[in-house]
Protein backbone atom coordinates (compact mmCIF):
# COMPACT_ATOMS: atom_id res chain seq x y z
CA MET A 1 0.26 -0.27 -0.20
CA LYS A 2 2.53 2.57 0.59
CA LYS A 3 3.74 1.90 -2.73
CA LEU A 4 0.83 3.41 -4.20
CA ILE A 5 1.16 6.44 -2.21
CA ALA A 6 3.59 7.82 -3.44
CA PRO A 7 2.43 7.44 -7.27
CA ILE A 8 -0.52 8.75 -6.51
CA CYS A 9 0.47 12.48 -5.01
CA PHE A 10 3.08 12.50 -7.96
CA LEU A 11 -0.01 12.07 -9.99
CA MET A 12 -2.26 15.03 -8.47
CA LEU A 13 0.67 17.16 -8.60
CA ALA A 14 0.90 16.24 -12.13
CA CYS A 15 -2.44 16.44 -12.87
CA GLY A 16 -3.51 19.49 -11.23
CA SER A 17 -5.05 21.79 -11.92
CA LYS A 18 -2.15 24.94 -11.19
CA LYS A 19 -3.12 27.68 -12.83
CA GLU A 20 -0.06 30.45 -14.56
CA SER A 21 0.13 33.97 -14.20
CA PRO A 22 -0.98 35.68 -17.11
CA THR A 23 3.08 36.60 -17.37
CA GLU A 24 3.64 33.02 -17.27
CA VAL A 25 1.67 32.10 -19.66
CA ALA A 26 3.12 35.07 -22.49
CA ASN A 27 6.19 33.80 -21.87
CA ARG A 28 4.73 30.21 -23.17
CA TYR A 29 3.85 31.78 -25.95
CA CYS A 30 6.37 33.35 -26.91
CA GLU A 31 8.72 30.73 -26.01
CA LEU A 32 7.21 29.12 -29.22
CA GLU A 33 7.60 32.89 -31.13
CA LYS A 34 10.91 32.86 -30.71
CA LYS A 35 11.35 28.88 -31.76
CA MET A 36 9.40 30.14 -34.69
CA THR A 37 11.96 32.91 -35.47
CA LYS A 38 14.37 30.50 -36.23
CA ALA A 39 13.04 28.20 -37.66
CA THR A 40 14.84 26.93 -41.19
CA SER A 41 12.02 24.40 -43.03
CA GLU A 42 9.36 24.22 -43.79
CA PRO A 43 8.23 21.84 -41.76
CA GLU A 44 9.61 22.88 -39.00
CA ARG A 45 8.06 26.44 -39.10
CA ASP A 46 4.83 24.15 -39.63
CA LYS A 47 5.63 21.58 -36.15
CA ILE A 48 5.65 24.55 -34.45
CA LYS A 49 2.38 26.30 -35.45
CA THR A 50 0.40 23.11 -34.94
CA GLU A 51 2.09 23.32 -31.21
CA MET A 52 1.40 27.30 -30.88
CA ASP A 53 -2.38 26.63 -32.54
CA ASN A 54 -2.34 23.77 -29.90
CA PHE A 55 -1.35 25.94 -26.63
CA GLU A 56 -3.95 28.69 -27.78
CA LYS A 57 -6.61 25.87 -27.28
CA ASN A 58 -4.90 25.04 -24.53
CA VAL A 59 -5.30 29.11 -23.10
CA ASN A 60 -7.94 29.18 -24.35
CA GLU A 61 -10.08 26.08 -22.40
CA GLU A 62 -8.53 26.94 -19.35
CA TYR A 63 -8.52 30.37 -19.43
CA GLY A 64 -10.89 31.59 -21.65
CA LYS A 65 -13.62 32.62 -19.04
CA ASP A 66 -11.62 34.23 -17.38
CA GLU A 67 -11.89 38.03 -19.05
CA GLU A 68 -8.92 40.13 -16.62
CA PHE A 69 -7.16 36.82 -16.75
CA MET A 70 -7.56 37.43 -20.98
CA LYS A 71 -6.89 40.69 -20.68
CA LYS A 72 -3.57 40.60 -19.49
CA LEU A 73 -2.96 37.85 -21.41
CA ASP A 74 -3.51 40.01 -24.38
CA GLU A 75 -1.16 42.70 -23.41
CA GLU A 76 1.83 40.22 -22.18
CA ILE A 77 1.19 38.41 -25.95
CA SER A 78 1.03 42.12 -27.50
CA GLU A 79 4.43 42.90 -26.24
CA CYS A 80 5.90 40.09 -26.77
CA GLU A 81 4.79 40.26 -30.54
CA ASP A 82 5.97 43.56 -30.55
CA SER A 83 9.16 43.12 -30.00
CA SER A 84 9.44 39.94 -32.26
CA ASN A 85 8.73 42.48 -35.08
CA ASN A 86 5.22 41.68 -36.13
CA VAL A 87 5.84 38.20 -38.25
CA ASP A 88 2.95 36.76 -39.13
CA TYR A 89 3.45 32.79 -39.46
CA ASP A 90 -0.68 32.14 -40.52
CA GLY A 91 0.30 33.76 -43.38
CA ASP A 92 -3.15 36.37 -42.94
C-alpha cells in the first residue's frame, strides 16, 4: 500500500489544475514565437505552428472565461509580438 502512495501523490500534482499567471502563459507563448523565428524549414515551421495552435486552444479552454486574465494575457502577448517584429506566421 505504501508503494502506491508516492505515485498517486505525484499524479495528483502532475495532473492538478495549477493556474499560471498571465505573464507565465505569455512567456510560454513567446518561447514558441522565438522558436518560430529560428525555424529554418517549412516542416519545422509547420510543427511549431501546430504547437502554437494547440497551446492557444488549451489556454482558451483553461482561462477563456476569465476576462481579466485574458485581457492581461493579450497585453503581455502584444508586448512579445511587438518585440518579435510582428511576424505573422498564419500568412494572414
